Amino acid sequence: MDKRETIQKTEQYVRSLLENDASGHDWWHIDRVRRMGITLAKKEGADEFIVEMAALLHDVADEKIAGNEEKGLSAVTSWLEQMPLSNDDKEHIIDIISSVSFKGGHGKKPHTIEGMVVQDADRLDAIGAIGIARTFMYAGSRGHLMHDPFLPYREKITKEEYRHGRSTAINHFYEKLLKLKEWMNTESAKQIALKRHQFMERFLHQFYQEWDEQYENVNG
């Protein structure tokens, strides 16, 4: 089995697990992260095969999907054991996947260029127009409100609070999305992040304008 076949089999495996996800972590999210990862890898001189494998598998290990991180990493490890990879490559992919997640700002900073690229690709998919759409999908899947003007966003939160605490779709912008521009690792990702960040700011401005108009009309 060559590298291309390994990629194809891994793609089929991940797609079978996530194609019906309705939280914003579906197969098409994986595919976008994979494609962005390859784009960044070319610009940053990273190993494209390692980046593509880690991008494909990154949400299999995410506790939002797997239930807990140990279970998720075990599933990834079991899959990689079936693939014709060196131990170094397997360990590298696992290490990258362990560092991708935001975890309320408590995630790990990758220490290889491949890890930085995959983390950047995943974070880029969390901002901009697609990031906005995914935010509302995730909030709905967790039973969170779109917006509650009387529920302040959380300035500092633990990993546990981030996963299970009360929030809203709009609060999520302040608790995560608007921070990501400054937390990109590579120069290539920083350039893309700036435009997507500015789009989110315009969206929020329009959102609040429309929200306030309804109360002005009632009280006017």
C-alpha atoms as a PDB file:
ATOM      1  CA  MET A   1       0.000   0.000   0.000  1.00  0.00           C
ATOM      2  CA  ASP A   2       1.507   3.337  -1.073  1.00  0.00           C
ATOM      3  CA  LYS A   3       0.895   6.759   0.442  1.00  0.00           C
ATOM      4  CA  ARG A   4      -1.956   7.611  -1.927  1.00  0.00           C
ATOM      5  CA  GLU A   5      -3.788   4.406  -1.086  1.00  0.00           C
ATOM      6  CA  THR A   6      -3.218   5.060   2.616  1.00  0.00           C
ATOM      7  CA  ILE A   7      -4.813   8.490   2.187  1.00  0.00           C
ATOM      8  CA  GLN A   8      -7.756   7.042   0.264  1.00  0.00           C
ATOM      9  CA  LYS A   9      -8.464   4.353   2.859  1.00  0.00           C
ATOM     10  CA  THR A  10      -8.190   6.906   5.679  1.00  0.00           C
ATOM     11  CA  GLU A  11     -10.549   9.236   3.830  1.00  0.00           C
ATOM     12  CA  GLN A  12     -13.133   6.437   3.500  1.00  0.00           C
ATOM     13  CA  TYR A  13     -12.771   5.568   7.200  1.00  0.00           C
ATOM     14  CA  VAL A  14     -13.248   9.151   8.393  1.00  0.00           C
ATOM     15  CA  ARG A  15     -16.077   9.850   6.000  1.00  0.00           C
ATOM     16  CA  SER A  16     -17.975   6.805   7.266  1.00  0.00           C
ATOM     17  CA  LEU A  17     -17.671   8.134  10.833  1.00  0.00           C
ATOM     18  CA  LEU A  18     -18.508  11.802  10.319  1.00  0.00           C
ATOM     19  CA  GLU A  19     -20.586  12.243   7.168  1.00  0.00           C
ATOM     20  CA  ASN A  20     -23.846  12.605   9.158  1.00  0.00           C
ATOM     21  CA  ASP A  21     -22.516  14.854  11.919  1.00  0.00           C
ATOM     22  CA  ALA A  22     -24.728  17.915  12.469  1.00  0.00           C
ATOM     23  CA  SER A  23     -22.514  19.885  14.857  1.00  0.00           C
ATOM     24  CA  GLY A  24     -20.254  21.499  12.252  1.00  0.00           C
ATOM     25  CA  HIS A  25     -17.671  18.707  12.448  1.00  0.00           C
ATOM     26  CA  ASP A  26     -18.934  16.735   9.480  1.00  0.00           C
ATOM     27  CA  TRP A  27     -16.959  15.224   6.605  1.00  0.00           C
ATOM     28  CA  TRP A  28     -16.919  18.486   4.652  1.00  0.00           C
ATOM     29  CA  HIS A  29     -15.244  20.248   7.578  1.00  0.00           C
ATOM     30  CA  ILE A  30     -12.582  17.532   7.505  1.00  0.00           C
ATOM     31  CA  ASP A  31     -12.171  17.915   3.749  1.00  0.00           C
ATOM     32  CA  ARG A  32     -11.798  21.701   4.007  1.00  0.00           C
ATOM     33  CA  VAL A  33      -9.173  21.364   6.755  1.00  0.00           C
ATOM     34  CA  ARG A  34      -7.346  18.750   4.672  1.00  0.00           C
ATOM     35  CA  ARG A  35      -7.318  20.990   1.582  1.00  0.00           C
ATOM     36  CA  MET A  36      -6.306  24.105   3.509  1.00  0.00           C
ATOM     37  CA  GLY A  37      -3.633  22.066   5.293  1.00  0.00           C
ATOM     38  CA  ILE A  38      -2.130  20.980   1.976  1.00  0.00           C
ATOM     39  CA  THR A  39      -2.206  24.575   0.714  1.00  0.00           C
ATOM     40  CA  LEU A  40      -0.410  25.829   3.833  1.00  0.00           C
ATOM     41  CA  ALA A  41       2.023  22.894   3.761  1.00  0.00           C
ATOM     42  CA  LYS A  42       3.142  23.845   0.252  1.00  0.00           C
ATOM     43  CA  LYS A  43       3.744  27.447   1.331  1.00  0.00           C
ATOM     44  CA  GLU A  44       5.438  26.588   4.616  1.00  0.00           C
ATOM     45  CA  GLY A  45       7.553  23.640   3.439  1.00  0.00           C
ATOM     46  CA  ALA A  46       5.792  21.041   5.598  1.00  0.00           C
ATOM     47  CA  ASP A  47       5.446  17.320   4.871  1.00  0.00           C
ATOM     48  CA  GLU A  48       2.208  17.156   2.882  1.00  0.00           C
ATOM     49  CA  PHE A  49       1.542  13.475   3.605  1.00  0.00           C
ATOM     50  CA  ILE A  50       1.810  13.916   7.384  1.00  0.00           C
ATOM     51  CA  VAL A  51      -0.346  17.053   7.218  1.00  0.00           C
ATOM     52  CA  GLU A  52      -3.022  15.343   5.131  1.00  0.00           C
ATOM     53  CA  MET A  53      -3.182  12.269   7.384  1.00  0.00           C
ATOM     54  CA  ALA A  54      -3.374  14.352  10.561  1.00  0.00           C
ATOM     55  CA  ALA A  55      -5.998  16.665   9.050  1.00  0.00           C
ATOM     56  CA  LEU A  56      -8.152  13.714   8.002  1.00  0.00           C
ATOM     57  CA  LEU A  57      -8.016  12.114  11.450  1.00  0.00           C
ATOM     58  CA  HIS A  58      -8.009  15.172  13.717  1.00  0.00           C
ATOM     59  CA  ASP A  59     -11.701  15.111  14.691  1.00  0.00           C
ATOM     60  CA  VAL A  60     -11.846  11.350  15.147  1.00  0.00           C
ATOM     61  CA  ALA A  61      -9.900  12.024  18.343  1.00  0.00           C
ATOM     62  CA  ASP A  62     -11.797  15.157  19.399  1.00  0.00           C
ATOM     63  CA  GLU A  63     -13.723  14.652  22.623  1.00  0.00           C
ATOM     64  CA  LYS A  64     -16.707  16.523  21.146  1.00  0.00           C
ATOM     65  CA  ILE A  65     -17.044  13.647  18.692  1.00  0.00           C
ATOM     66  CA  ALA A  66     -15.501  10.666  20.495  1.00  0.00           C
ATOM     67  CA  GLY A  67     -16.903  11.399  23.949  1.00  0.00           C
ATOM     68  CA  ASN A  68     -13.488  11.748  25.559  1.00  0.00           C
ATOM     69  CA  GLU A  69      -9.950  12.346  24.347  1.00  0.00           C
ATOM     70  CA  GLU A  70      -8.569   8.974  25.440  1.00  0.00           C
ATOM     71  CA  LYS A  71     -11.209   7.070  23.512  1.00  0.00           C
ATOM     72  CA  GLY A  72     -10.645   9.235  20.446  1.00  0.00           C
ATOM     73  CA  LEU A  73      -6.871   8.891  20.454  1.00  0.00           C
ATOM     74  CA  SER A  74      -7.243   5.145  20.942  1.00  0.00           C
ATOM     75  CA  ALA A  75      -9.399   4.976  17.797  1.00  0.00           C
ATOM     76  CA  VAL A  76      -6.826   6.956  15.816  1.00  0.00           C
ATOM     77  CA  THR A  77      -3.970   4.798  17.124  1.00  0.00           C
ATOM     78  CA  SER A  78      -5.819   1.615  16.187  1.00  0.00           C
ATOM     79  CA  TRP A  79      -6.404   2.927  12.679  1.00  0.00           C
ATOM     80  CA  LEU A  80      -2.780   3.975  12.204  1.00  0.00           C
ATOM     81  CA  GLU A  81      -1.585   0.551  13.349  1.00  0.00           C
ATOM     82  CA  GLN A  82      -3.316  -0.891  10.282  1.00  0.00           C
ATOM     83  CA  MET A  83      -1.490   1.458   7.943  1.00  0.00           C
ATOM     84  CA  PRO A  84       2.011   0.853   6.488  1.00  0.00           C
ATOM     85  CA  LEU A  85       3.610   3.755   8.338  1.00  0.00           C
ATOM     86  CA  SER A  86       6.854   4.047  10.246  1.00  0.00           C
ATOM     87  CA  ASN A  87       6.632   4.387  14.010  1.00  0.00           C
ATOM     88  CA  ASP A  88       7.999   7.912  13.692  1.00  0.00           C
ATOM     89  CA  ASP A  89       5.218   8.899  11.296  1.00  0.00           C
ATOM     90  CA  LYS A  90       2.539   7.340  13.514  1.00  0.00           C
ATOM     91  CA  GLU A  91       3.860   9.141  16.579  1.00  0.00           C
ATOM     92  CA  HIS A  92       4.111  12.408  14.658  1.00  0.00           C
ATOM     93  CA  ILE A  93       0.480  12.176  13.464  1.00  0.00           C
ATOM     94  CA  ILE A  94      -0.762  11.352  16.973  1.00  0.00           C
ATOM     95  CA  ASP A  95       1.260  14.241  18.410  1.00  0.00           C
ATOM     96  CA  ILE A  96      -0.266  16.660  15.886  1.00  0.00           C
ATOM     97  CA  ILE A  97      -3.811  15.475  16.574  1.00  0.00           C
ATOM     98  CA  SER A  98      -3.233  15.860  20.317  1.00  0.00           C
ATOM     99  CA  SER A  99      -2.383  19.539  19.829  1.00  0.00           C
ATOM    100  CA  VAL A 100      -5.033  20.640  17.304  1.00  0.00           C
ATOM    101  CA  SER A 101      -7.996  21.355  19.594  1.00  0.00           C
ATOM    102  CA  PHE A 102      -8.628  24.824  21.073  1.00  0.00           C
ATOM    103  CA  LYS A 103      -9.991  23.507  24.406  1.00  0.00           C
ATOM    104  CA  GLY A 104     -11.108  26.896  25.627  1.00  0.00           C
ATOM    105  CA  GLY A 105      -7.656  28.359  25.066  1.00  0.00           C
ATOM    106  CA  HIS A 106      -6.000  25.554  26.991  1.00  0.00           C
ATOM    107  CA  GLY A 107      -4.796  23.578  23.967  1.00  0.00           C
ATOM    108  CA  LYS A 108      -1.184  22.734  23.204  1.00  0.00           C
ATOM    109  CA  LYS A 109       1.039  24.738  20.867  1.00  0.00           C
ATOM    110  CA  PRO A 110       2.435  22.415  18.187  1.00  0.00           C
ATOM    111  CA  HIS A 111       6.194  22.006  18.051  1.00  0.00           C
ATOM    112  CA  THR A 112       6.559  20.895  14.410  1.00  0.00           C
ATOM    113  CA  ILE A 113       5.717  22.820  11.256  1.00  0.00           C
ATOM    114  CA  GLU A 114       3.276  20.048  10.289  1.00  0.00           C
ATOM    115  CA  GLY A 115       1.440  20.464  13.595  1.00  0.00           C
ATOM    116  CA  MET A 116       1.338  24.233  13.175  1.00  0.00           C
ATOM    117  CA  VAL A 117      -0.099  23.872   9.680  1.00  0.00           C
ATOM    118  CA  VAL A 118      -2.865  21.457  10.723  1.00  0.00           C
ATOM    119  CA  GLN A 119      -3.816  23.575  13.743  1.00  0.00           C
ATOM    120  CA  ASP A 120      -3.922  26.694  11.555  1.00  0.00           C
ATOM    121  CA  ALA A 121      -6.052  24.946   8.918  1.00  0.00           C
ATOM    122  CA  ASP A 122      -8.540  23.801  11.558  1.00  0.00           C
ATOM    123  CA  ARG A 123      -8.710  27.262  13.122  1.00  0.00           C
ATOM    124  CA  LEU A 124      -9.171  28.956   9.752  1.00  0.00           C
ATOM    125  CA  ASP A 125     -12.270  26.814   9.242  1.00  0.00           C
ATOM    126  CA  ALA A 126     -13.631  28.196  12.529  1.00  0.00           C
ATOM    127  CA  ILE A 127     -13.618  31.820  11.338  1.00  0.00           C
ATOM    128  CA  GLY A 128     -14.994  33.784   8.392  1.00  0.00           C
ATOM    129  CA  ALA A 129     -18.319  32.965   6.720  1.00  0.00           C
ATOM    130  CA  ILE A 130     -17.965  29.212   7.156  1.00  0.00           C
ATOM    131  CA  GLY A 131     -16.886  29.676  10.759  1.00  0.00           C
ATOM    132  CA  ILE A 132     -20.021  31.739  11.423  1.00  0.00           C
ATOM    133  CA  ALA A 133     -22.229  29.052   9.887  1.00  0.00           C
ATOM    134  CA  ARG A 134     -20.498  26.322  11.894  1.00  0.00           C
ATOM    135  CA  THR A 135     -20.888  28.313  15.112  1.00  0.00           C
ATOM    136  CA  PHE A 136     -24.658  28.411  14.790  1.00  0.00           C
ATOM    137  CA  MET A 137     -24.770  24.736  13.822  1.00  0.00           C
ATOM    138  CA  TYR A 138     -22.753  23.801  16.897  1.00  0.00           C
ATOM    139  CA  ALA A 139     -24.827  25.990  19.209  1.00  0.00           C
ATOM    140  CA  GLY A 140     -28.027  24.419  17.921  1.00  0.00           C
ATOM    141  CA  SER A 141     -26.669  20.901  18.304  1.00  0.00           C
ATOM    142  CA  ARG A 142     -25.863  21.651  21.955  1.00  0.00           C
ATOM    143  CA  GLY A 143     -29.158  23.342  22.754  1.00  0.00           C
ATOM    144  CA  HIS A 144     -27.579  26.789  23.135  1.00  0.00           C
ATOM    145  CA  LEU A 145     -29.433  29.990  22.312  1.00  0.00           C
ATOM    146  CA  MET A 146     -28.476  32.172  19.355  1.00  0.00           C
ATOM    147  CA  HIS A 147     -28.093  35.204  21.633  1.00  0.00           C
ATOM    148  CA  ASP A 148     -28.969  36.268  25.156  1.00  0.00           C
ATOM    149  CA  PRO A 149     -28.058  39.915  25.830  1.00  0.00           C
ATOM    150  CA  PHE A 150     -28.228  39.261  29.584  1.00  0.00           C
ATOM    151  CA  LEU A 151     -25.708  36.398  29.512  1.00  0.00           C
ATOM    152  CA  PRO A 152     -22.191  37.865  29.455  1.00  0.00           C
ATOM    153  CA  TYR A 153     -19.467  36.043  27.589  1.00  0.00           C
ATOM    154  CA  ARG A 154     -16.818  34.363  29.710  1.00  0.00           C
ATOM    155  CA  GLU A 155     -13.457  36.151  29.828  1.00  0.00           C
ATOM    156  CA  LYS A 156     -11.544  33.218  31.310  1.00  0.00           C
ATOM    157  CA  ILE A 157     -12.842  29.678  31.261  1.00  0.00           C
ATOM    158  CA  THR A 158     -11.497  26.281  32.174  1.00  0.00           C
ATOM    159  CA  LYS A 159     -11.395  23.495  29.625  1.00  0.00           C
ATOM    160  CA  GLU A 160     -14.337  21.857  31.404  1.00  0.00           C
ATOM    161  CA  GLU A 161     -16.391  25.071  31.424  1.00  0.00           C
ATOM    162  CA  TYR A 162     -15.651  25.614  27.741  1.00  0.00           C
ATOM    163  CA  ARG A 163     -16.993  22.168  26.875  1.00  0.00           C
ATOM    164  CA  HIS A 164     -19.980  22.014  29.207  1.00  0.00           C
ATOM    165  CA  GLY A 165     -20.769  25.513  30.497  1.00  0.00           C
ATOM    166  CA  ARG A 166     -23.701  27.673  29.405  1.00  0.00           C
ATOM    167  CA  SER A 167     -23.040  29.909  26.434  1.00  0.00           C
ATOM    168  CA  THR A 168     -24.633  31.192  23.212  1.00  0.00           C
ATOM    169  CA  ALA A 169     -23.655  31.282  19.554  1.00  0.00           C
ATOM    170  CA  ILE A 170     -22.859  34.996  19.771  1.00  0.00           C
ATOM    171  CA  ASN A 171     -20.859  34.602  22.986  1.00  0.00           C
ATOM    172  CA  HIS A 172     -18.756  31.974  21.221  1.00  0.00           C
ATOM    173  CA  PHE A 173     -17.345  34.708  18.991  1.00  0.00           C
ATOM    174  CA  TYR A 174     -15.823  36.411  22.043  1.00  0.00           C
ATOM    175  CA  GLU A 175     -14.856  33.225  23.862  1.00  0.00           C
ATOM    176  CA  LYS A 176     -13.006  31.769  20.849  1.00  0.00           C
ATOM    177  CA  LEU A 177     -13.459  32.988  17.285  1.00  0.00           C
ATOM    178  CA  LEU A 178     -12.259  36.574  17.615  1.00  0.00           C
ATOM    179  CA  LYS A 179      -9.120  35.347  19.399  1.00  0.00           C
ATOM    180  CA  LEU A 180      -7.979  33.009  16.655  1.00  0.00           C
ATOM    181  CA  LYS A 181      -6.459  35.655  14.373  1.00  0.00           C
ATOM    182  CA  GLU A 182      -3.742  36.269  16.956  1.00  0.00           C
ATOM    183  CA  TRP A 183      -3.176  32.571  17.586  1.00  0.00           C
ATOM    184  CA  MET A 184      -2.263  31.476  14.077  1.00  0.00           C
ATOM    185  CA  ASN A 185       1.160  29.872  13.854  1.00  0.00           C
ATOM    186  CA  THR A 186       2.237  30.448  10.252  1.00  0.00           C
ATOM    187  CA  GLU A 187       2.529  33.623   8.222  1.00  0.00           C
ATOM    188  CA  SER A 188       0.443  32.091   5.437  1.00  0.00           C
ATOM    189  CA  ALA A 189      -2.448  31.436   7.826  1.00  0.00           C
ATOM    190  CA  LYS A 190      -2.174  34.871   9.435  1.00  0.00           C
ATOM    191  CA  GLN A 191      -2.819  36.547   6.071  1.00  0.00           C
ATOM    192  CA  ILE A 192      -5.952  34.474   5.461  1.00  0.00           C
ATOM    193  CA  ALA A 193      -7.132  34.888   9.058  1.00  0.00           C
ATOM    194  CA  LEU A 194      -7.081  38.693   8.873  1.00  0.00           C
ATOM    195  CA  LYS A 195      -9.684  38.830   6.089  1.00  0.00           C
ATOM    196  CA  ARG A 196     -11.901  36.245   7.771  1.00  0.00           C
ATOM    197  CA  HIS A 197     -11.611  38.074  11.101  1.00  0.00           C
ATOM    198  CA  GLN A 198     -12.706  41.340   9.500  1.00  0.00           C
ATOM    199  CA  PHE A 199     -15.707  39.587   7.941  1.00  0.00           C
ATOM    200  CA  MET A 200     -16.785  38.328  11.389  1.00  0.00           C
ATOM    201  CA  GLU A 201     -16.530  41.850  12.786  1.00  0.00           C
ATOM    202  CA  ARG A 202     -18.802  43.115  10.001  1.00  0.00           C
ATOM    203  CA  PHE A 203     -21.249  40.296  10.675  1.00  0.00           C
ATOM    204  CA  LEU A 204     -21.431  41.118  14.386  1.00  0.00           C
ATOM    205  CA  HIS A 205     -21.953  44.803  13.645  1.00  0.00           C
ATOM    206  CA  GLN A 206     -24.889  43.928  11.353  1.00  0.00           C
ATOM    207  CA  PHE A 207     -26.263  41.383  13.846  1.00  0.00           C
ATOM    208  CA  TYR A 208     -26.374  43.877  16.703  1.00  0.00           C
ATOM    209  CA  GLN A 209     -27.818  46.551  14.443  1.00  0.00           C
ATOM    210  CA  GLU A 210     -30.708  44.297  13.430  1.00  0.00           C
ATOM    211  CA  TRP A 211     -31.201  43.039  16.990  1.00  0.00           C
ATOM    212  CA  ASP A 212     -31.420  46.563  18.378  1.00  0.00           C
ATOM    213  CA  GLU A 213     -33.739  47.737  15.587  1.00  0.00           C
ATOM    214  CA  GLN A 214     -36.433  45.346  16.756  1.00  0.00           C
ATOM    215  CA  TYR A 215     -36.463  46.878  20.242  1.00  0.00           C
ATOM    216  CA  GLU A 216     -36.330  50.404  18.855  1.00  0.00           C
ATOM    217  CA  ASN A 217     -39.371  49.642  16.669  1.00  0.00           C
ATOM    218  CA  VAL A 218     -41.319  48.259  19.645  1.00  0.00           C
ATOM    219  CA  ASN A 219     -40.381  51.074  22.000  1.00  0.00           C
ATOM    220  CA  GLY A 220     -40.489  53.882  19.439  1.00  0.00           C
END
